[in-house]
Amino acid sequence: MPAVSQASTTVGGGARATFARQTPINAGVTLCMSTLTAVLLWPHLPVALVAIWLLASWLSVGVPLLLWFRRRGQTRARPISPRGHRRAMLFALAAGSLWGILALFVDHLPRQYEHVLLVVAYGMVAGATATLSALPAVARVYSATVLVPWIVHFGTQPDLAHGLTALMVVVFALAMHAAATAIHRGFEDYERAKERRLGLERQLRERQTAWDLLSATTEAFALFDADDRLVLWNTRLLAVFELSADAVRQGLTLSELLRQGARPQTAHGAIMPAEA
């Protein structure tokens, strides 16, 4: 899988930082898989060829990993730049080509190695699709560079089994493309919902601040909606109307509030009825 040093996304810095944290995971998986693949190829291909392929695989993840260590404190601060996106595309192209080129070696390997290496290619593409789906263009480049050589290899064989295998690889590639697109849309929906939530929280804080100021500077306050229903009030209103906190609730009309506040009054020792 390509270890993109500044893993980033068009849907916001939060998702970008999440994918940046996956860089060491991607790098570790690629280092392990490339080393095991080299061990598999070592007895059957020229040693120099296998060594060059292994070194290139290590460099394809080592350089981005080094950049990630240098810039990991900045992943939350900046969104992706056009330069960063182009660099991610180049890393994906280089890393994918290293796995796709293995299709050229299978004619020089034992028969069973053909499908072993295809399974490895499937795994690398699936992992990249999951971890790079916030950058769908990068995921598509990586998938194409890994799988197209295998499609050509199987498609050019004269027997039906290889032809059907080529079609299976095509179906798998299309499925990975659809999966990357769907996951990317999920991130977009998440970011939009997050922005809406943050906007609502800001509005609530602003309104709460305004209400606290109004409540603190007003003797008694009650706010009614267009249907003459009580919405907001302050504690001084309770004192003015001699109400308990339980007696006042949202939805009361003005007349109901006045009735709740009606109390018998005493004048010269006599009980006077409260005015209706």
Protein backbone atom coordinates (compact mmCIF):
# COMPACT_ATOMS: atom_id res chain seq x y z
CA MET A 1 0.00 0.00 0.00
CA PRO A 2 1.31 3.49 -0.67
CA ALA A 3 2.38 5.24 2.50
CA VAL A 4 1.32 8.77 1.64
CA SER A 5 3.36 11.08 3.83
CA GLN A 6 0.79 13.87 4.04
CA ALA A 7 -2.29 11.70 3.90
CA SER A 8 -4.96 14.23 3.12
CA THR A 9 -8.47 14.56 1.88
CA THR A 10 -10.78 16.89 0.08
CA VAL A 11 -13.32 16.59 2.89
CA GLY A 12 -11.43 18.42 5.63
CA GLY A 13 -8.43 18.47 7.88
CA GLY A 14 -9.95 16.06 10.40
CA ALA A 15 -10.16 13.17 7.96
CA ARG A 16 -6.77 14.22 6.59
CA ALA A 17 -5.22 13.83 10.03
CA THR A 18 -6.92 10.45 10.46
CA PHE A 19 -5.39 9.14 7.26
CA ALA A 20 -2.01 10.62 8.11
CA ARG A 21 -2.02 8.51 11.27
CA GLN A 22 -2.42 5.42 9.06
CA THR A 23 0.86 6.13 7.26
CA PRO A 24 3.00 4.01 9.63
CA ILE A 25 0.45 1.18 9.41
CA ASN A 26 0.53 1.23 5.61
CA ALA A 27 4.31 1.42 5.65
CA GLY A 28 4.63 -1.50 8.05
CA VAL A 29 2.29 -3.70 6.01
CA THR A 30 4.11 -2.88 2.78
CA LEU A 31 7.53 -3.56 4.30
CA CYS A 32 6.39 -6.94 5.60
CA MET A 33 4.63 -7.99 2.39
CA SER A 34 7.48 -6.89 0.14
CA THR A 35 10.03 -8.74 2.28
CA LEU A 36 7.99 -11.96 2.28
CA THR A 37 7.42 -11.67 -1.47
CA ALA A 38 11.16 -11.22 -2.02
CA VAL A 39 11.82 -14.39 -0.01
CA LEU A 40 9.33 -16.17 -2.26
CA LEU A 41 10.99 -14.91 -5.44
CA TRP A 42 14.61 -15.25 -4.34
CA PRO A 43 15.23 -18.88 -5.42
CA HIS A 44 13.60 -18.46 -8.84
CA LEU A 45 14.72 -15.06 -10.18
CA PRO A 46 18.11 -13.38 -10.49
CA VAL A 47 19.26 -12.21 -7.09
CA ALA A 48 20.09 -8.71 -8.36
CA LEU A 49 16.57 -8.32 -9.82
CA VAL A 50 14.89 -9.36 -6.58
CA ALA A 51 17.19 -7.12 -4.54
CA ILE A 52 16.44 -4.11 -6.75
CA TRP A 53 12.70 -4.76 -6.51
CA LEU A 54 12.87 -5.12 -2.73
CA LEU A 55 14.96 -1.97 -2.32
CA ALA A 56 12.54 0.00 -4.50
CA SER A 57 9.61 -1.29 -2.44
CA TRP A 58 11.28 -0.22 0.78
CA LEU A 59 12.05 3.22 -0.65
CA SER A 60 8.47 3.66 -1.86
CA VAL A 61 7.31 3.57 1.76
CA GLY A 62 10.46 4.67 3.57
CA VAL A 63 10.59 8.14 2.01
CA PRO A 64 6.92 8.97 2.74
CA LEU A 65 7.30 7.55 6.23
CA LEU A 66 10.28 9.83 6.88
CA LEU A 67 8.30 12.83 5.63
CA TRP A 68 5.40 11.82 7.86
CA PHE A 69 7.67 11.78 10.93
CA ARG A 70 8.94 15.25 10.05
CA ARG A 71 5.50 16.76 9.41
CA ARG A 72 3.14 14.78 11.60
CA GLY A 73 2.59 17.78 13.89
CA GLN A 74 1.25 19.77 10.93
CA THR A 75 -1.38 17.29 9.66
CA ARG A 76 -4.14 18.84 11.75
CA ALA A 77 -3.28 22.41 10.84
CA ARG A 78 -3.34 22.51 7.05
CA PRO A 79 -5.66 21.09 4.43
CA ILE A 80 -4.23 19.30 1.43
CA SER A 81 -2.46 21.44 -1.14
CA PRO A 82 -2.36 20.76 -4.90
CA ARG A 83 1.32 19.94 -4.52
CA GLY A 84 0.57 17.45 -1.76
CA HIS A 85 -2.11 15.79 -3.86
CA ARG A 86 0.24 15.46 -6.84
CA ARG A 87 2.91 13.98 -4.60
CA ALA A 88 0.42 11.46 -3.23
CA MET A 89 -0.49 10.49 -6.80
CA LEU A 90 3.18 9.95 -7.66
CA PHE A 91 3.79 7.81 -4.58
CA ALA A 92 0.69 5.74 -5.41
CA LEU A 93 1.86 5.32 -9.01
CA ALA A 94 5.34 4.21 -7.95
CA ALA A 95 4.15 1.86 -5.20
CA GLY A 96 1.43 0.32 -7.35
CA SER A 97 3.78 -0.24 -10.28
CA LEU A 98 6.12 -2.25 -8.08
CA TRP A 99 3.34 -4.73 -7.34
CA GLY A 100 1.95 -4.70 -10.86
CA ILE A 101 5.33 -5.49 -12.38
CA LEU A 102 5.29 -8.87 -10.64
CA ALA A 103 2.88 -10.00 -13.36
CA LEU A 104 5.82 -9.89 -15.76
CA PHE A 105 7.78 -12.39 -13.66
CA VAL A 106 5.19 -15.14 -13.29
CA ASP A 107 6.24 -16.93 -16.48
CA HIS A 108 9.59 -17.58 -14.81
CA LEU A 109 8.09 -18.89 -11.58
CA PRO A 110 6.48 -22.18 -10.56
CA ARG A 111 2.88 -22.44 -11.72
CA GLN A 112 1.32 -22.09 -8.28
CA TYR A 113 3.11 -18.80 -7.66
CA GLU A 114 0.89 -17.12 -10.25
CA HIS A 115 -2.17 -17.17 -8.05
CA VAL A 116 -0.20 -16.60 -4.85
CA LEU A 117 1.07 -13.30 -6.23
CA LEU A 118 -2.41 -12.43 -7.51
CA VAL A 119 -3.81 -12.91 -4.01
CA VAL A 120 -1.07 -10.62 -2.67
CA ALA A 121 -2.01 -8.01 -5.29
CA TYR A 122 -5.67 -8.30 -4.27
CA GLY A 123 -4.75 -7.74 -0.64
CA MET A 124 -2.63 -4.68 -1.37
CA VAL A 125 -5.39 -3.12 -3.48
CA ALA A 126 -8.07 -3.83 -0.89
CA GLY A 127 -5.95 -2.30 1.86
CA ALA A 128 -5.18 0.79 -0.20
CA THR A 129 -8.86 1.22 -1.07
CA ALA A 130 -9.76 1.21 2.62
CA THR A 131 -7.02 3.59 3.74
CA LEU A 132 -6.95 5.96 0.74
CA SER A 133 -10.68 6.29 0.08
CA ALA A 134 -10.63 9.92 1.26
CA LEU A 135 -8.38 10.44 -1.77
CA PRO A 136 -10.34 8.42 -4.36
CA ALA A 137 -8.16 9.54 -7.28
CA VAL A 138 -5.04 8.29 -5.48
CA ALA A 139 -6.76 5.00 -4.63
CA ARG A 140 -7.77 4.54 -8.27
CA VAL A 141 -4.23 5.20 -9.52
CA TYR A 142 -2.80 2.67 -7.10
CA SER A 143 -5.42 0.03 -7.96
CA ALA A 144 -4.94 0.50 -11.69
CA THR A 145 -1.15 0.26 -11.58
CA VAL A 146 -1.34 -2.93 -9.52
CA LEU A 147 -4.14 -4.73 -11.40
CA VAL A 148 -3.85 -3.70 -15.05
CA PRO A 149 -0.64 -5.74 -15.63
CA TRP A 150 -2.41 -8.78 -14.16
CA ILE A 151 -5.43 -8.23 -16.40
CA VAL A 152 -3.12 -8.08 -19.41
CA HIS A 153 -1.21 -11.16 -18.27
CA PHE A 154 -4.29 -13.34 -17.81
CA GLY A 155 -6.14 -11.86 -20.77
CA THR A 156 -3.38 -12.72 -23.23
CA GLN A 157 -3.28 -16.41 -22.27
CA PRO A 158 -4.95 -18.74 -24.81
CA ASP A 159 -7.03 -20.84 -22.39
CA LEU A 160 -10.48 -20.16 -20.95
CA ALA A 161 -9.38 -20.35 -17.31
CA HIS A 162 -6.94 -17.49 -17.69
CA GLY A 163 -9.49 -15.46 -19.64
CA LEU A 164 -12.07 -15.87 -16.90
CA THR A 165 -9.45 -14.96 -14.31
CA ALA A 166 -8.78 -11.74 -16.21
CA LEU A 167 -12.51 -10.94 -16.07
CA MET A 168 -12.50 -11.64 -12.34
CA VAL A 169 -9.66 -9.17 -11.86
CA VAL A 170 -11.63 -6.58 -13.85
CA VAL A 171 -14.69 -7.14 -11.64
CA PHE A 172 -12.53 -6.81 -8.53
CA ALA A 173 -11.00 -3.57 -9.81
CA LEU A 174 -14.46 -2.10 -10.51
CA ALA A 175 -15.65 -3.18 -7.07
CA MET A 176 -12.69 -1.45 -5.41
CA HIS A 177 -13.40 1.68 -7.43
CA ALA A 178 -17.03 1.67 -6.30
CA ALA A 179 -16.02 1.03 -2.69
CA ALA A 180 -13.55 3.93 -2.67
CA THR A 181 -16.20 6.24 -4.11
CA ALA A 182 -18.82 5.14 -1.57
CA ILE A 183 -16.46 5.55 1.40
CA HIS A 184 -15.39 8.96 0.12
CA ARG A 185 -19.01 10.08 -0.06
CA GLY A 186 -19.46 8.84 3.48
CA PHE A 187 -16.59 11.08 4.59
CA GLU A 188 -18.15 14.02 2.74
CA ASP A 189 -21.49 13.42 4.46
CA TYR A 190 -19.73 13.19 7.81
CA GLU A 191 -17.86 16.46 7.26
CA ARG A 192 -21.03 18.27 6.17
CA ALA A 193 -22.91 16.99 9.21
CA LYS A 194 -19.99 18.01 11.43
CA GLU A 195 -20.00 21.53 9.98
CA ARG A 196 -23.75 21.83 10.52
CA ARG A 197 -23.39 20.64 14.11
CA LEU A 198 -20.58 23.10 14.81
CA GLY A 199 -22.66 25.89 13.28
CA LEU A 200 -25.62 25.04 15.48
CA GLU A 201 -23.38 24.89 18.53
CA ARG A 202 -22.03 28.36 17.72
CA GLN A 203 -25.57 29.71 17.34
CA LEU A 204 -26.61 28.17 20.65
CA ARG A 205 -23.60 29.64 22.44
CA GLU A 206 -24.31 33.08 20.96
CA ARG A 207 -27.95 32.91 21.94
CA GLN A 208 -27.10 31.65 25.40
CA THR A 209 -24.68 34.54 25.87
CA ALA A 210 -27.30 37.03 24.71
CA TRP A 211 -29.90 35.45 26.97
CA ASP A 212 -27.58 35.50 29.99
CA LEU A 213 -26.88 39.18 29.38
CA LEU A 214 -30.56 40.00 28.98
CA SER A 215 -31.52 37.96 32.01
CA ALA A 216 -28.90 39.65 34.17
CA THR A 217 -29.86 43.20 33.16
CA THR A 218 -33.65 42.85 33.14
CA GLU A 219 -35.86 43.04 36.22
CA ALA A 220 -38.31 40.42 34.96
CA PHE A 221 -38.34 38.87 31.52
CA ALA A 222 -40.60 36.51 29.59
CA LEU A 223 -40.38 35.67 25.90
CA PHE A 224 -43.42 34.39 24.01
CA ASP A 225 -43.52 32.92 20.50
CA ALA A 226 -45.89 33.83 17.67
CA ASP A 227 -48.60 31.62 19.19
CA ASP A 228 -48.39 33.46 22.51
CA ARG A 229 -46.63 30.51 24.16
CA LEU A 230 -43.95 30.99 26.79
CA VAL A 231 -40.46 30.16 25.53
CA LEU A 232 -37.92 31.77 27.88
CA TRP A 233 -38.02 33.52 31.24
CA ASN A 234 -35.69 34.50 34.03
CA THR A 235 -35.81 33.82 37.74
CA ARG A 236 -36.84 37.39 38.53
CA LEU A 237 -40.12 36.73 36.76
CA LEU A 238 -40.87 34.05 39.34
CA ALA A 239 -40.28 36.51 42.16
CA VAL A 240 -42.50 39.19 40.62
CA PHE A 241 -45.41 36.77 40.14
CA GLU A 242 -44.65 34.86 43.35
CA LEU A 243 -44.37 31.61 41.42
CA SER A 244 -42.53 28.44 42.21
CA ALA A 245 -40.11 27.08 39.64
CA ASP A 246 -42.37 24.08 39.04
CA ALA A 247 -45.35 26.29 38.21
CA VAL A 248 -43.73 27.80 35.11
CA ARG A 249 -43.04 25.75 32.03
CA GLN A 250 -42.61 26.26 28.33
CA GLY A 251 -45.85 26.43 26.38
CA LEU A 252 -47.88 28.44 28.90
CA THR A 253 -49.93 31.27 27.41
CA LEU A 254 -49.80 34.75 28.89
CA SER A 255 -53.25 34.35 30.43
CA GLU A 256 -52.26 31.02 31.98
CA LEU A 257 -49.13 32.60 33.39
CA LEU A 258 -51.15 35.43 34.90
CA ARG A 259 -53.59 32.99 36.45
CA GLN A 260 -50.70 30.97 37.87
CA GLY A 261 -49.50 34.18 39.47
CA ALA A 262 -52.87 35.22 40.95
CA ARG A 263 -52.73 35.29 44.77
CA PRO A 264 -55.20 36.40 47.49
CA GLN A 265 -54.25 39.82 48.82
CA THR A 266 -54.66 41.13 52.40
CA ALA A 267 -55.86 44.70 53.13
CA HIS A 268 -56.42 45.99 56.67
CA GLY A 269 -56.60 42.43 57.98
CA ALA A 270 -59.27 41.29 55.49
CA ILE A 271 -58.74 38.75 52.73
CA MET A 272 -59.37 40.42 49.37
CA PRO A 273 -60.08 38.24 46.33
CA ALA A 274 -57.47 38.38 43.63
CA GLU A 275 -58.46 40.16 40.50
CA ALA A 276 -59.42 37.92 37.64
